Amino acid sequence: MNDTSWIVALGGGALLVLCVLQGMRIWREHAAISRGFTRTFGIIFVATLSVFLVSTEATAEELTAAFTILGTLAGYIAGAKPEGTTTTTTGSGASAETVVVE
């Protein structure tokens, strides 16, 4: 693993630790965990796993499969709509208009 990978891995690990500490603080105070915190934690976790995965001695095929799964998870986490949100699309093509109602 080169120097840049170590720096990125340490930074990702530090962010992950900070997220865990924040989650523990929220849990201890019996406060509600926000959807934004959950998404942030999930994205940081997936990104940290990706960095550590790159540093392994895996073949290109194994890395492709793993990154496909991690990318799918990240897309699901980042693209999840809050409950009660509806999206309406009218028209088609360039004249399409999308309205999001929360």
C-alpha atoms as a PDB file:
ATOM      1  CA  MET A   1       0.000   0.000   0.000  1.00  0.00           C
ATOM      2  CA  ASN A   2       1.476   3.363  -0.992  1.00  0.00           C
ATOM      3  CA  ASP A   3       1.592   6.560   1.089  1.00  0.00           C
ATOM      4  CA  THR A   4      -1.533   8.050  -0.458  1.00  0.00           C
ATOM      5  CA  SER A   5      -3.549   4.929   0.307  1.00  0.00           C
ATOM      6  CA  TRP A   6      -2.429   5.038   3.918  1.00  0.00           C
ATOM      7  CA  ILE A   7      -3.446   8.684   4.260  1.00  0.00           C
ATOM      8  CA  VAL A   8      -6.859   8.056   2.705  1.00  0.00           C
ATOM      9  CA  ALA A   9      -7.353   4.925   4.814  1.00  0.00           C
ATOM     10  CA  LEU A  10      -6.460   6.780   8.019  1.00  0.00           C
ATOM     11  CA  GLY A  11      -8.757   9.668   7.091  1.00  0.00           C
ATOM     12  CA  GLY A  12     -11.632   7.303   6.308  1.00  0.00           C
ATOM     13  CA  GLY A  13     -11.015   5.385   9.518  1.00  0.00           C
ATOM     14  CA  ALA A  14     -11.004   8.631  11.510  1.00  0.00           C
ATOM     15  CA  LEU A  15     -14.304   9.710   9.933  1.00  0.00           C
ATOM     16  CA  LEU A  16     -15.769   6.304  10.702  1.00  0.00           C
ATOM     17  CA  VAL A  17     -14.671   6.567  14.348  1.00  0.00           C
ATOM     18  CA  LEU A  18     -16.191  10.051  14.602  1.00  0.00           C
ATOM     19  CA  CYS A  19     -19.480   8.770  13.198  1.00  0.00           C
ATOM     20  CA  VAL A  20     -19.517   5.888  15.672  1.00  0.00           C
ATOM     21  CA  LEU A  21     -18.810   8.272  18.564  1.00  0.00           C
ATOM     22  CA  GLN A  22     -21.603  10.590  17.409  1.00  0.00           C
ATOM     23  CA  GLY A  23     -23.977   7.621  17.168  1.00  0.00           C
ATOM     24  CA  MET A  24     -23.026   6.537  20.680  1.00  0.00           C
ATOM     25  CA  ARG A  25     -23.709  10.057  21.972  1.00  0.00           C
ATOM     26  CA  ILE A  26     -27.126  10.114  20.309  1.00  0.00           C
ATOM     27  CA  TRP A  27     -27.934   6.639  21.656  1.00  0.00           C
ATOM     28  CA  ARG A  28     -26.844   7.567  25.202  1.00  0.00           C
ATOM     29  CA  GLU A  29     -29.067  10.660  25.186  1.00  0.00           C
ATOM     30  CA  HIS A  30     -32.005   8.626  23.834  1.00  0.00           C
ATOM     31  CA  ALA A  31     -32.356  11.092  20.980  1.00  0.00           C
ATOM     32  CA  ALA A  32     -33.706  10.195  17.564  1.00  0.00           C
ATOM     33  CA  ILE A  33     -31.112   9.386  14.932  1.00  0.00           C
ATOM     34  CA  SER A  34     -31.714  11.564  11.906  1.00  0.00           C
ATOM     35  CA  ARG A  35     -31.940  10.232   8.377  1.00  0.00           C
ATOM     36  CA  GLY A  36     -29.052  12.532   7.385  1.00  0.00           C
ATOM     37  CA  PHE A  37     -26.785  11.020  10.024  1.00  0.00           C
ATOM     38  CA  THR A  38     -27.698   7.523   8.907  1.00  0.00           C
ATOM     39  CA  ARG A  39     -26.925   8.338   5.268  1.00  0.00           C
ATOM     40  CA  THR A  40     -23.643  10.030   6.166  1.00  0.00           C
ATOM     41  CA  PHE A  41     -22.555   7.103   8.313  1.00  0.00           C
ATOM     42  CA  GLY A  42     -23.467   4.618   5.583  1.00  0.00           C
ATOM     43  CA  ILE A  43     -21.598   6.477   2.846  1.00  0.00           C
ATOM     44  CA  ILE A  44     -18.489   6.900   5.029  1.00  0.00           C
ATOM     45  CA  PHE A  45     -18.620   3.218   5.969  1.00  0.00           C
ATOM     46  CA  VAL A  46     -18.875   2.100   2.335  1.00  0.00           C
ATOM     47  CA  ALA A  47     -16.094   4.487   1.282  1.00  0.00           C
ATOM     48  CA  THR A  48     -13.813   3.238   4.058  1.00  0.00           C
ATOM     49  CA  LEU A  49     -14.463  -0.379   3.094  1.00  0.00           C
ATOM     50  CA  SER A  50     -13.628   0.495  -0.510  1.00  0.00           C
ATOM     51  CA  VAL A  51     -10.294   2.048   0.429  1.00  0.00           C
ATOM     52  CA  PHE A  52      -9.320  -0.959   2.514  1.00  0.00           C
ATOM     53  CA  LEU A  53     -10.423  -3.270  -0.275  1.00  0.00           C
ATOM     54  CA  VAL A  54      -8.151  -1.533  -2.769  1.00  0.00           C
ATOM     55  CA  SER A  55      -5.170  -2.124  -0.487  1.00  0.00           C
ATOM     56  CA  THR A  56      -5.681  -5.900  -0.532  1.00  0.00           C
ATOM     57  CA  GLU A  57      -4.059  -8.266  -2.996  1.00  0.00           C
ATOM     58  CA  ALA A  58      -7.321  -9.042  -4.783  1.00  0.00           C
ATOM     59  CA  THR A  59      -7.579  -9.754  -8.493  1.00  0.00           C
ATOM     60  CA  ALA A  60      -9.332  -7.376 -10.893  1.00  0.00           C
ATOM     61  CA  GLU A  61     -12.377  -9.654 -11.113  1.00  0.00           C
ATOM     62  CA  GLU A  62     -12.737  -9.809  -7.330  1.00  0.00           C
ATOM     63  CA  LEU A  63     -12.390  -6.041  -7.032  1.00  0.00           C
ATOM     64  CA  THR A  64     -14.968  -5.495  -9.769  1.00  0.00           C
ATOM     65  CA  ALA A  65     -17.509  -7.686  -7.997  1.00  0.00           C
ATOM     66  CA  ALA A  66     -16.861  -6.073  -4.625  1.00  0.00           C
ATOM     67  CA  PHE A  67     -17.053  -2.522  -5.974  1.00  0.00           C
ATOM     68  CA  THR A  68     -20.285  -3.360  -7.789  1.00  0.00           C
ATOM     69  CA  ILE A  69     -21.855  -4.416  -4.495  1.00  0.00           C
ATOM     70  CA  LEU A  70     -20.420  -1.445  -2.582  1.00  0.00           C
ATOM     71  CA  GLY A  71     -21.544   0.964  -5.319  1.00  0.00           C
ATOM     72  CA  THR A  72     -25.030  -0.487  -5.218  1.00  0.00           C
ATOM     73  CA  LEU A  73     -25.166  -0.024  -1.451  1.00  0.00           C
ATOM     74  CA  ALA A  74     -23.889   3.557  -1.689  1.00  0.00           C
ATOM     75  CA  GLY A  75     -26.433   4.372  -4.393  1.00  0.00           C
ATOM     76  CA  TYR A  76     -29.240   2.912  -2.315  1.00  0.00           C
ATOM     77  CA  ILE A  77     -28.175   4.861   0.771  1.00  0.00           C
ATOM     78  CA  ALA A  78     -27.701   8.168  -1.043  1.00  0.00           C
ATOM     79  CA  GLY A  79     -30.814   7.855  -3.185  1.00  0.00           C
ATOM     80  CA  ALA A  80     -33.326   6.744  -0.562  1.00  0.00           C
ATOM     81  CA  LYS A  81     -36.354   9.026  -0.302  1.00  0.00           C
ATOM     82  CA  PRO A  82     -37.797   9.955   3.088  1.00  0.00           C
ATOM     83  CA  GLU A  83     -41.095   8.306   3.985  1.00  0.00           C
ATOM     84  CA  GLY A  84     -44.092  10.317   2.891  1.00  0.00           C
ATOM     85  CA  THR A  85     -42.320  11.813  -0.126  1.00  0.00           C
ATOM     86  CA  THR A  86     -44.003  11.424  -3.476  1.00  0.00           C
ATOM     87  CA  THR A  87     -42.575  12.227  -6.894  1.00  0.00           C
ATOM     88  CA  THR A  88     -44.797  13.113  -9.829  1.00  0.00           C
ATOM     89  CA  THR A  89     -43.463  13.392 -13.388  1.00  0.00           C
ATOM     90  CA  THR A  90     -45.554  15.007 -16.112  1.00  0.00           C
ATOM     91  CA  GLY A  91     -44.687  15.117 -19.786  1.00  0.00           C
ATOM     92  CA  SER A  92     -41.920  13.236 -21.506  1.00  0.00           C
ATOM     93  CA  GLY A  93     -38.495  13.874 -22.988  1.00  0.00           C
ATOM     94  CA  ALA A  94     -37.056  17.385 -22.715  1.00  0.00           C
ATOM     95  CA  SER A  95     -40.413  18.851 -21.643  1.00  0.00           C
ATOM     96  CA  ALA A  96     -40.747  16.533 -18.608  1.00  0.00           C
ATOM     97  CA  GLU A  97     -41.375  18.209 -15.282  1.00  0.00           C
ATOM     98  CA  THR A  98     -40.816  16.500 -11.942  1.00  0.00           C
ATOM     99  CA  VAL A  99     -42.517  17.677  -8.747  1.00  0.00           C
ATOM    100  CA  VAL A 100     -41.449  16.347  -5.324  1.00  0.00           C
ATOM    101  CA  VAL A 101     -44.008  16.676  -2.516  1.00  0.00           C
ATOM    102  CA  GLU A 102     -42.937  16.099   1.068  1.00  0.00           C
END
